[in-house]
All heavy atoms as atom14 arrays in JSON, in Angstrom:
{
  "sequence": "FQRQCSVVFFVDNAQDIAEKVLVDLLKLQNLRAGKEHLLQIVLVG",
  "atom14_mask": [
    [1, 1, 1, 1, 1, 1, 1, 1, 1, 1, 1, 0, 0, 0],
    [1, 1, 1, 1, 1, 1, 1, 1, 1, 0, 0, 0, 0, 0],
    [1, 1, 1, 1, 1, 1, 1, 1, 1, 1, 1, 0, 0, 0],
    [1, 1, 1, 1, 1, 1, 1, 1, 1, 0, 0, 0, 0, 0],
    [1, 1, 1, 1, 1, 1, 0, 0, 0, 0, 0, 0, 0, 0],
    [1, 1, 1, 1, 1, 1, 0, 0, 0, 0, 0, 0, 0, 0],
    [1, 1, 1, 1, 1, 1, 1, 0, 0, 0, 0, 0, 0, 0],
    [1, 1, 1, 1, 1, 1, 1, 0, 0, 0, 0, 0, 0, 0],
    [1, 1, 1, 1, 1, 1, 1, 1, 1, 1, 1, 0, 0, 0],
    [1, 1, 1, 1, 1, 1, 1, 1, 1, 1, 1, 0, 0, 0],
    [1, 1, 1, 1, 1, 1, 1, 0, 0, 0, 0, 0, 0, 0],
    [1, 1, 1, 1, 1, 1, 1, 1, 0, 0, 0, 0, 0, 0],
    [1, 1, 1, 1, 1, 1, 1, 1, 0, 0, 0, 0, 0, 0],
    [1, 1, 1, 1, 1, 0, 0, 0, 0, 0, 0, 0, 0, 0],
    [1, 1, 1, 1, 1, 1, 1, 1, 1, 0, 0, 0, 0, 0],
    [1, 1, 1, 1, 1, 1, 1, 1, 0, 0, 0, 0, 0, 0],
    [1, 1, 1, 1, 1, 1, 1, 1, 0, 0, 0, 0, 0, 0],
    [1, 1, 1, 1, 1, 0, 0, 0, 0, 0, 0, 0, 0, 0],
    [1, 1, 1, 1, 1, 1, 1, 1, 1, 0, 0, 0, 0, 0],
    [1, 1, 1, 1, 1, 1, 1, 1, 1, 0, 0, 0, 0, 0],
    [1, 1, 1, 1, 1, 1, 1, 0, 0, 0, 0, 0, 0, 0],
    [1, 1, 1, 1, 1, 1, 1, 1, 0, 0, 0, 0, 0, 0],
    [1, 1, 1, 1, 1, 1, 1, 0, 0, 0, 0, 0, 0, 0],
    [1, 1, 1, 1, 1, 1, 1, 1, 0, 0, 0, 0, 0, 0],
    [1, 1, 1, 1, 1, 1, 1, 1, 0, 0, 0, 0, 0, 0],
    [1, 1, 1, 1, 1, 1, 1, 1, 0, 0, 0, 0, 0, 0],
    [1, 1, 1, 1, 1, 1, 1, 1, 1, 0, 0, 0, 0, 0],
    [1, 1, 1, 1, 1, 1, 1, 1, 0, 0, 0, 0, 0, 0],
    [1, 1, 1, 1, 1, 1, 1, 1, 1, 0, 0, 0, 0, 0],
    [1, 1, 1, 1, 1, 1, 1, 1, 0, 0, 0, 0, 0, 0],
    [1, 1, 1, 1, 1, 1, 1, 1, 0, 0, 0, 0, 0, 0],
    [1, 1, 1, 1, 1, 1, 1, 1, 1, 1, 1, 0, 0, 0],
    [1, 1, 1, 1, 1, 0, 0, 0, 0, 0, 0, 0, 0, 0],
    [1, 1, 1, 1, 0, 0, 0, 0, 0, 0, 0, 0, 0, 0],
    [1, 1, 1, 1, 1, 1, 1, 1, 1, 0, 0, 0, 0, 0],
    [1, 1, 1, 1, 1, 1, 1, 1, 1, 0, 0, 0, 0, 0],
    [1, 1, 1, 1, 1, 1, 1, 1, 1, 1, 0, 0, 0, 0],
    [1, 1, 1, 1, 1, 1, 1, 1, 0, 0, 0, 0, 0, 0],
    [1, 1, 1, 1, 1, 1, 1, 1, 0, 0, 0, 0, 0, 0],
    [1, 1, 1, 1, 1, 1, 1, 1, 1, 0, 0, 0, 0, 0],
    [1, 1, 1, 1, 1, 1, 1, 1, 0, 0, 0, 0, 0, 0],
    [1, 1, 1, 1, 1, 1, 1, 0, 0, 0, 0, 0, 0, 0],
    [1, 1, 1, 1, 1, 1, 1, 1, 0, 0, 0, 0, 0, 0],
    [1, 1, 1, 1, 1, 1, 1, 0, 0, 0, 0, 0, 0, 0],
    [1, 1, 1, 1, 0, 0, 0, 0, 0, 0, 0, 0, 0, 0]
  ],
  "atom14_positions": [
    [[-58.02, 8.48, 1.64], [-58.95, 8.13, 2.57], [-58.18, 7.11, 3.7], [-58.42, 7.29, 4.87], [-60.11, 7.35, 1.99], [-61.11, 6.91, 3.07], [-62.13, 7.81, 3.49], [-61.12, 5.66, 3.45], [-62.97, 7.44, 4.44], [-62.12, 5.22, 4.39], [-62.99, 6.1, 4.8], [0.0, 0.0, 0.0], [0.0, 0.0, 0.0], [0.0, 0.0, 0.0]],
    [[-57.41, 6.3, 3.14], [-56.68, 5.32, 4.03], [-55.69, 6.09, 4.82], [-55.53, 5.57, 5.99], [-56.08, 4.19, 3.13], [-57.01, 3.24, 2.47], [-56.21, 2.32, 1.51], [-55.1, 2.42, 1.29], [-56.97, 1.42, 0.98], [0.0, 0.0, 0.0], [0.0, 0.0, 0.0], [0.0, 0.0, 0.0], [0.0, 0.0, 0.0], [0.0, 0.0, 0.0]],
    [[-55.16, 7.13, 4.39], [-54.09, 7.95, 5.13], [-54.95, 8.99, 6.1], [-54.4, 9.8, 6.71], [-53.25, 8.71, 4.24], [-52.42, 7.81, 3.45], [-51.51, 8.7, 2.45], [-50.7, 7.92, 1.7], [-50.98, 7.38, 0.44], [-52.24, 7.66, -0.01], [-50.12, 6.51, -0.17], [0.0, 0.0, 0.0], [0.0, 0.0, 0.0], [0.0, 0.0, 0.0]],
    [[-56.39, 8.91, 6.1], [-57.16, 9.85, 6.99], [-57.02, 11.22, 6.5], [-57.06, 12.18, 7.22], [-56.86, 9.59, 8.46], [-57.11, 8.17, 8.94], [-56.88, 8.16, 10.41], [-56.18, 8.78, 11.11], [-57.74, 7.25, 10.98], [0.0, 0.0, 0.0], [0.0, 0.0, 0.0], [0.0, 0.0, 0.0], [0.0, 0.0, 0.0], [0.0, 0.0, 0.0]],
    [[-56.74, 11.29, 5.11], [-56.72, 12.72, 4.52], [-57.99, 12.95, 3.64], [-58.63, 11.84, 3.19], [-55.42, 12.92, 3.71], [-53.88, 12.92, 4.65], [0.0, 0.0, 0.0], [0.0, 0.0, 0.0], [0.0, 0.0, 0.0], [0.0, 0.0, 0.0], [0.0, 0.0, 0.0], [0.0, 0.0, 0.0], [0.0, 0.0, 0.0], [0.0, 0.0, 0.0]],
    [[-58.38, 14.01, 3.33], [-59.57, 14.36, 2.55], [-59.21, 15.31, 1.37], [-58.44, 16.31, 1.52], [-60.59, 14.89, 3.47], [-61.95, 14.92, 2.71], [0.0, 0.0, 0.0], [0.0, 0.0, 0.0], [0.0, 0.0, 0.0], [0.0, 0.0, 0.0], [0.0, 0.0, 0.0], [0.0, 0.0, 0.0], [0.0, 0.0, 0.0], [0.0, 0.0, 0.0]],
    [[-59.78, 15.09, 0.16], [-59.73, 15.9, -0.88], [-60.87, 16.74, -1.15], [-61.92, 16.28, -1.04], [-59.31, 15.02, -2.22], [-59.18, 16.0, -3.49], [-58.2, 14.19, -1.97], [0.0, 0.0, 0.0], [0.0, 0.0, 0.0], [0.0, 0.0, 0.0], [0.0, 0.0, 0.0], [0.0, 0.0, 0.0], [0.0, 0.0, 0.0], [0.0, 0.0, 0.0]],
    [[-60.61, 18.01, -1.26], [-61.84, 18.95, -1.48], [-61.74, 19.81, -2.63], [-60.58, 20.38, -3.03], [-61.85, 19.91, -0.22], [-63.13, 20.8, -0.27], [-61.79, 19.24, 1.03], [0.0, 0.0, 0.0], [0.0, 0.0, 0.0], [0.0, 0.0, 0.0], [0.0, 0.0, 0.0], [0.0, 0.0, 0.0], [0.0, 0.0, 0.0], [0.0, 0.0, 0.0]],
    [[-62.59, 19.77, -3.52], [-62.73, 20.69, -4.69], [-63.69, 21.88, -4.32], [-64.96, 21.65, -4.03], [-63.42, 19.91, -5.94], [-62.38, 19.04, -6.71], [-61.16, 18.88, -6.18], [-62.83, 18.47, -7.84], [-60.22, 18.02, -6.92], [-61.98, 17.57, -8.61], [-60.67, 17.42, -8.12], [0.0, 0.0, 0.0], [0.0, 0.0, 0.0], [0.0, 0.0, 0.0]],
    [[-63.23, 23.09, -4.45], [-63.91, 24.3, -4.34], [-64.22, 24.71, -5.88], [-63.19, 25.09, -6.56], [-63.22, 25.4, -3.57], [-63.08, 24.97, -2.02], [-62.07, 24.44, -1.57], [-64.11, 25.39, -1.08], [-61.89, 23.94, -0.28], [-64.0, 25.1, 0.13], [-62.94, 24.39, 0.67], [0.0, 0.0, 0.0], [0.0, 0.0, 0.0], [0.0, 0.0, 0.0]],
    [[-65.38, 24.75, -6.21], [-65.77, 25.16, -7.72], [-66.54, 26.47, -7.71], [-67.62, 26.47, -7.39], [-66.52, 23.94, -8.35], [-66.55, 24.28, -9.81], [-65.77, 22.79, -8.2], [0.0, 0.0, 0.0], [0.0, 0.0, 0.0], [0.0, 0.0, 0.0], [0.0, 0.0, 0.0], [0.0, 0.0, 0.0], [0.0, 0.0, 0.0], [0.0, 0.0, 0.0]],
    [[-65.76, 27.48, -8.13], [-66.31, 28.93, -8.15], [-67.19, 28.97, -9.46], [-66.76, 28.27, -10.51], [-65.34, 29.98, -7.95], [-65.85, 31.15, -7.27], [-66.98, 31.26, -7.15], [-65.07, 32.1, -6.88], [0.0, 0.0, 0.0], [0.0, 0.0, 0.0], [0.0, 0.0, 0.0], [0.0, 0.0, 0.0], [0.0, 0.0, 0.0], [0.0, 0.0, 0.0]],
    [[-68.06, 29.96, -9.48], [-68.79, 30.3, -10.77], [-69.57, 29.01, -11.15], [-69.65, 28.85, -12.53], [-67.85, 30.9, -11.85], [-67.31, 32.19, -11.25], [-67.93, 33.12, -10.96], [-65.89, 32.22, -11.35], [0.0, 0.0, 0.0], [0.0, 0.0, 0.0], [0.0, 0.0, 0.0], [0.0, 0.0, 0.0], [0.0, 0.0, 0.0], [0.0, 0.0, 0.0]],
    [[-70.0, 28.15, -10.32], [-70.42, 26.93, -10.87], [-71.85, 26.98, -11.57], [-72.24, 26.1, -12.32], [-70.65, 26.0, -9.61], [0.0, 0.0, 0.0], [0.0, 0.0, 0.0], [0.0, 0.0, 0.0], [0.0, 0.0, 0.0], [0.0, 0.0, 0.0], [0.0, 0.0, 0.0], [0.0, 0.0, 0.0], [0.0, 0.0, 0.0], [0.0, 0.0, 0.0]],
    [[-72.46, 28.17, -11.45], [-73.81, 28.29, -12.32], [-73.57, 28.31, -13.7], [-74.48, 27.92, -14.56], [-74.5, 29.42, -11.85], [-73.96, 30.82, -12.34], [-72.74, 31.3, -11.62], [-72.42, 30.83, -10.5], [-71.91, 32.3, -12.26], [0.0, 0.0, 0.0], [0.0, 0.0, 0.0], [0.0, 0.0, 0.0], [0.0, 0.0, 0.0], [0.0, 0.0, 0.0]],
    [[-72.25, 28.43, -14.14], [-71.96, 28.51, -15.61], [-71.38, 27.29, -16.12], [-71.07, 27.11, -17.31], [-71.11, 29.63, -15.97], [-71.81, 31.07, -15.63], [-73.0, 31.21, -15.85], [-70.95, 31.98, -15.31], [0.0, 0.0, 0.0], [0.0, 0.0, 0.0], [0.0, 0.0, 0.0], [0.0, 0.0, 0.0], [0.0, 0.0, 0.0], [0.0, 0.0, 0.0]],
    [[-71.18, 26.18, -15.31], [-70.56, 24.91, -15.72], [-71.52, 24.23, -16.52], [-72.72, 24.13, -16.27], [-70.21, 24.12, -14.59], [-69.01, 24.82, -13.72], [-69.61, 22.82, -14.93], [-68.55, 24.1, -12.47], [0.0, 0.0, 0.0], [0.0, 0.0, 0.0], [0.0, 0.0, 0.0], [0.0, 0.0, 0.0], [0.0, 0.0, 0.0], [0.0, 0.0, 0.0]],
    [[-71.13, 23.52, -17.67], [-71.81, 22.8, -18.58], [-72.5, 21.64, -17.8], [-71.94, 21.01, -16.8], [-71.12, 22.31, -19.76], [0.0, 0.0, 0.0], [0.0, 0.0, 0.0], [0.0, 0.0, 0.0], [0.0, 0.0, 0.0], [0.0, 0.0, 0.0], [0.0, 0.0, 0.0], [0.0, 0.0, 0.0], [0.0, 0.0, 0.0], [0.0, 0.0, 0.0]],
    [[-73.75, 21.22, -18.21], [-74.46, 20.16, -17.47], [-73.7, 18.88, -17.38], [-73.62, 18.18, -16.27], [-75.91, 19.93, -18.05], [-76.71, 18.97, -17.35], [-78.03, 18.73, -17.93], [-78.93, 19.43, -17.6], [-78.13, 17.74, -18.88], [0.0, 0.0, 0.0], [0.0, 0.0, 0.0], [0.0, 0.0, 0.0], [0.0, 0.0, 0.0], [0.0, 0.0, 0.0]],
    [[-73.16, 18.47, -18.52], [-72.5, 17.14, -18.62], [-71.18, 17.19, -17.59], [-70.94, 16.22, -16.96], [-71.91, 16.85, -19.98], [-71.42, 15.54, -20.13], [-70.9, 15.22, -21.51], [-70.34, 13.83, -21.59], [-69.21, 13.5, -20.54], [0.0, 0.0, 0.0], [0.0, 0.0, 0.0], [0.0, 0.0, 0.0], [0.0, 0.0, 0.0], [0.0, 0.0, 0.0]],
    [[-70.49, 18.33, -17.53], [-69.33, 18.51, -16.64], [-69.84, 18.32, -15.14], [-69.17, 17.66, -14.35], [-68.64, 19.85, -16.85], [-67.52, 19.91, -15.9], [-68.15, 19.74, -18.31], [0.0, 0.0, 0.0], [0.0, 0.0, 0.0], [0.0, 0.0, 0.0], [0.0, 0.0, 0.0], [0.0, 0.0, 0.0], [0.0, 0.0, 0.0], [0.0, 0.0, 0.0]],
    [[-70.91, 19.0, -14.91], [-71.48, 18.97, -13.51], [-71.86, 17.46, -13.13], [-71.61, 17.09, -12.05], [-72.77, 19.98, -13.31], [-72.49, 21.23, -12.89], [-73.77, 22.04, -12.88], [-71.87, 21.4, -11.57], [0.0, 0.0, 0.0], [0.0, 0.0, 0.0], [0.0, 0.0, 0.0], [0.0, 0.0, 0.0], [0.0, 0.0, 0.0], [0.0, 0.0, 0.0]],
    [[-72.52, 16.78, -14.11], [-72.86, 15.47, -13.89], [-71.67, 14.46, -13.53], [-71.67, 13.87, -12.57], [-73.68, 14.87, -15.1], [-73.73, 13.34, -14.98], [-74.99, 15.61, -15.12], [0.0, 0.0, 0.0], [0.0, 0.0, 0.0], [0.0, 0.0, 0.0], [0.0, 0.0, 0.0], [0.0, 0.0, 0.0], [0.0, 0.0, 0.0], [0.0, 0.0, 0.0]],
    [[-70.63, 14.69, -14.35], [-69.48, 13.92, -14.09], [-68.78, 14.22, -12.85], [-68.32, 13.29, -12.1], [-68.51, 14.05, -15.23], [-68.91, 13.56, -16.54], [-69.65, 12.65, -16.53], [-68.45, 13.88, -17.71], [0.0, 0.0, 0.0], [0.0, 0.0, 0.0], [0.0, 0.0, 0.0], [0.0, 0.0, 0.0], [0.0, 0.0, 0.0], [0.0, 0.0, 0.0]],
    [[-68.72, 15.49, -12.46], [-68.09, 15.96, -11.17], [-68.9, 15.33, -9.97], [-68.34, 14.79, -9.06], [-68.15, 17.42, -11.09], [-67.01, 18.11, -11.82], [-67.21, 19.61, -11.73], [-65.62, 17.82, -11.2], [0.0, 0.0, 0.0], [0.0, 0.0, 0.0], [0.0, 0.0, 0.0], [0.0, 0.0, 0.0], [0.0, 0.0, 0.0], [0.0, 0.0, 0.0]],
    [[-70.27, 15.46, -10.16], [-71.17, 14.85, -9.03], [-71.11, 13.37, -8.97], [-71.29, 12.89, -7.85], [-72.49, 15.43, -9.2], [-72.77, 16.81, -9.13], [-74.18, 17.24, -9.44], [-72.43, 17.28, -7.62], [0.0, 0.0, 0.0], [0.0, 0.0, 0.0], [0.0, 0.0, 0.0], [0.0, 0.0, 0.0], [0.0, 0.0, 0.0], [0.0, 0.0, 0.0]],
    [[-70.78, 12.68, -10.08], [-70.6, 11.35, -9.98], [-69.34, 10.96, -9.21], [-69.23, 9.94, -8.52], [-70.57, 10.64, -11.41], [-71.97, 10.54, -12.12], [-71.85, 10.02, -13.46], [-73.2, 9.85, -14.1], [-73.2, 9.28, -15.46], [0.0, 0.0, 0.0], [0.0, 0.0, 0.0], [0.0, 0.0, 0.0], [0.0, 0.0, 0.0], [0.0, 0.0, 0.0]],
    [[-68.31, 11.71, -9.54], [-67.04, 11.42, -8.64], [-67.33, 11.75, -7.18], [-66.75, 11.03, -6.35], [-65.98, 12.47, -9.12], [-65.02, 12.1, -10.24], [-63.97, 13.14, -10.54], [-64.33, 10.7, -9.92], [0.0, 0.0, 0.0], [0.0, 0.0, 0.0], [0.0, 0.0, 0.0], [0.0, 0.0, 0.0], [0.0, 0.0, 0.0], [0.0, 0.0, 0.0]],
    [[-68.12, 12.81, -6.93], [-68.38, 13.11, -5.53], [-69.2, 12.01, -4.82], [-69.05, 11.85, -3.64], [-69.17, 14.41, -5.51], [-69.74, 14.85, -4.2], [-71.0, 14.32, -3.78], [-71.41, 13.98, -2.67], [-71.92, 14.28, -4.85], [0.0, 0.0, 0.0], [0.0, 0.0, 0.0], [0.0, 0.0, 0.0], [0.0, 0.0, 0.0], [0.0, 0.0, 0.0]],
    [[-69.82, 11.12, -5.5], [-70.62, 10.11, -5.0], [-69.85, 8.8, -4.69], [-70.32, 7.83, -4.22], [-71.79, 9.71, -5.89], [-73.0, 10.66, -5.57], [-73.19, 10.99, -4.58], [-73.76, 10.95, -6.71], [0.0, 0.0, 0.0], [0.0, 0.0, 0.0], [0.0, 0.0, 0.0], [0.0, 0.0, 0.0], [0.0, 0.0, 0.0], [0.0, 0.0, 0.0]],
    [[-68.58, 8.87, -4.99], [-67.6, 7.7, -4.59], [-67.58, 7.65, -3.11], [-67.37, 8.67, -2.44], [-66.31, 8.01, -5.15], [-66.19, 7.73, -6.67], [-64.76, 8.23, -7.1], [-66.48, 6.38, -7.13], [0.0, 0.0, 0.0], [0.0, 0.0, 0.0], [0.0, 0.0, 0.0], [0.0, 0.0, 0.0], [0.0, 0.0, 0.0], [0.0, 0.0, 0.0]],
    [[-67.72, 6.49, -2.48], [-67.8, 6.41, -0.93], [-67.08, 5.24, -0.42], [-66.8, 4.3, -1.08], [-69.25, 6.27, -0.53], [-70.19, 7.25, -1.04], [-71.6, 7.17, -0.5], [-72.56, 7.93, -1.14], [-73.59, 8.59, -0.56], [-73.73, 8.53, 0.76], [-74.37, 9.35, -1.24], [0.0, 0.0, 0.0], [0.0, 0.0, 0.0], [0.0, 0.0, 0.0]],
    [[-66.71, 5.45, 0.83], [-66.26, 4.31, 1.67], [-67.14, 4.15, 2.73], [-67.15, 4.99, 3.67], [-64.84, 4.58, 2.09], [0.0, 0.0, 0.0], [0.0, 0.0, 0.0], [0.0, 0.0, 0.0], [0.0, 0.0, 0.0], [0.0, 0.0, 0.0], [0.0, 0.0, 0.0], [0.0, 0.0, 0.0], [0.0, 0.0, 0.0], [0.0, 0.0, 0.0]],
    [[-68.09, 3.2, 2.69], [-69.16, 3.15, 3.64], [-70.1, 4.26, 3.27], [-70.5, 4.57, 2.13], [0.0, 0.0, 0.0], [0.0, 0.0, 0.0], [0.0, 0.0, 0.0], [0.0, 0.0, 0.0], [0.0, 0.0, 0.0], [0.0, 0.0, 0.0], [0.0, 0.0, 0.0], [0.0, 0.0, 0.0], [0.0, 0.0, 0.0], [0.0, 0.0, 0.0]],
    [[-70.37, 5.19, 4.43], [-71.28, 6.33, 4.26], [-70.42, 7.69, 3.93], [-70.97, 8.56, 3.75], [-72.0, 6.5, 5.44], [-73.06, 5.38, 5.72], [-73.92, 5.61, 6.95], [-74.98, 4.59, 7.05], [-75.87, 4.83, 8.31], [0.0, 0.0, 0.0], [0.0, 0.0, 0.0], [0.0, 0.0, 0.0], [0.0, 0.0, 0.0], [0.0, 0.0, 0.0]],
    [[-69.08, 7.45, 3.97], [-68.31, 8.63, 3.85], [-67.78, 8.89, 2.44], [-67.49, 7.93, 1.75], [-67.04, 8.56, 4.73], [-67.38, 8.52, 6.2], [-66.15, 8.44, 7.08], [-65.2, 7.69, 6.76], [-66.08, 9.34, 7.95], [0.0, 0.0, 0.0], [0.0, 0.0, 0.0], [0.0, 0.0, 0.0], [0.0, 0.0, 0.0], [0.0, 0.0, 0.0]],
    [[-67.98, 10.09, 1.99], [-67.56, 10.42, 0.6], [-66.02, 10.58, 0.38], [-65.41, 11.23, 1.39], [-68.22, 11.81, 0.1], [-69.78, 11.63, 0.06], [-70.33, 11.57, -1.17], [-70.7, 11.66, 0.9], [-71.67, 11.49, -1.05], [-71.88, 11.5, 0.3], [0.0, 0.0, 0.0], [0.0, 0.0, 0.0], [0.0, 0.0, 0.0], [0.0, 0.0, 0.0]],
    [[-65.57, 10.06, -0.54], [-64.12, 10.16, -0.87], [-63.66, 11.46, -1.28], [-62.56, 11.94, -1.01], [-63.54, 9.14, -1.77], [-63.87, 7.65, -1.33], [-63.15, 6.64, -2.48], [-63.17, 7.29, -0.02], [0.0, 0.0, 0.0], [0.0, 0.0, 0.0], [0.0, 0.0, 0.0], [0.0, 0.0, 0.0], [0.0, 0.0, 0.0], [0.0, 0.0, 0.0]],
    [[-64.61, 12.22, -1.96], [-64.22, 13.54, -2.47], [-65.42, 14.51, -2.06], [-66.55, 14.25, -2.1], [-64.22, 13.53, -4.12], [-64.09, 14.91, -4.78], [-62.8, 15.61, -4.46], [-64.35, 14.76, -6.27], [0.0, 0.0, 0.0], [0.0, 0.0, 0.0], [0.0, 0.0, 0.0], [0.0, 0.0, 0.0], [0.0, 0.0, 0.0], [0.0, 0.0, 0.0]],
    [[-64.87, 15.66, -1.39], [-65.82, 16.69, -1.04], [-65.88, 17.82, -2.07], [-64.69, 18.13, -2.61], [-65.49, 17.27, 0.31], [-64.9, 16.31, 1.41], [-65.78, 15.22, 1.66], [-66.98, 15.4, 1.87], [-65.31, 13.97, 1.66], [0.0, 0.0, 0.0], [0.0, 0.0, 0.0], [0.0, 0.0, 0.0], [0.0, 0.0, 0.0], [0.0, 0.0, 0.0]],
    [[-66.93, 18.22, -2.43], [-67.12, 19.36, -3.55], [-67.95, 20.38, -2.86], [-69.05, 20.14, -2.43], [-67.8, 18.78, -4.83], [-66.82, 17.74, -5.5], [-67.96, 19.95, -5.76], [-67.3, 17.26, -6.82], [0.0, 0.0, 0.0], [0.0, 0.0, 0.0], [0.0, 0.0, 0.0], [0.0, 0.0, 0.0], [0.0, 0.0, 0.0], [0.0, 0.0, 0.0]],
    [[-67.4, 21.52, -2.99], [-68.21, 22.72, -2.63], [-68.44, 23.56, -3.86], [-67.54, 24.18, -4.46], [-67.49, 23.69, -1.61], [-68.27, 24.92, -1.13], [-67.1, 22.74, -0.41], [0.0, 0.0, 0.0], [0.0, 0.0, 0.0], [0.0, 0.0, 0.0], [0.0, 0.0, 0.0], [0.0, 0.0, 0.0], [0.0, 0.0, 0.0], [0.0, 0.0, 0.0]],
    [[-69.65, 23.65, -4.34], [-70.1, 24.37, -5.53], [-70.54, 25.77, -5.07], [-71.22, 25.94, -4.15], [-71.22, 23.69, -6.24], [-71.02, 22.28, -6.82], [-72.27, 21.77, -7.55], [-69.82, 22.32, -7.83], [0.0, 0.0, 0.0], [0.0, 0.0, 0.0], [0.0, 0.0, 0.0], [0.0, 0.0, 0.0], [0.0, 0.0, 0.0], [0.0, 0.0, 0.0]],
    [[-69.94, 26.84, -5.71], [-70.18, 28.16, -5.41], [-70.63, 28.9, -6.48], [-70.14, 28.8, -7.7], [-68.79, 28.81, -4.85], [-68.88, 30.21, -4.43], [-68.13, 27.88, -3.77], [0.0, 0.0, 0.0], [0.0, 0.0, 0.0], [0.0, 0.0, 0.0], [0.0, 0.0, 0.0], [0.0, 0.0, 0.0], [0.0, 0.0, 0.0], [0.0, 0.0, 0.0]],
    [[-71.7, 29.72, -6.32], [-72.17, 30.41, -7.47], [-73.26, 31.45, -7.13], [-73.66, 31.61, -5.96], [0.0, 0.0, 0.0], [0.0, 0.0, 0.0], [0.0, 0.0, 0.0], [0.0, 0.0, 0.0], [0.0, 0.0, 0.0], [0.0, 0.0, 0.0], [0.0, 0.0, 0.0], [0.0, 0.0, 0.0], [0.0, 0.0, 0.0], [0.0, 0.0, 0.0]]
  ]
}
């Protein structure tokens, strides 16, 4: 983020991911600098 770069996770077949794993991934996605998310996640399914 400080280097003005962004990290993106594209997660395919996400309908089959275990609930606990989804929760942990979404908690990571909620890390922010101000209003901007540090991790972008695209769930695909």
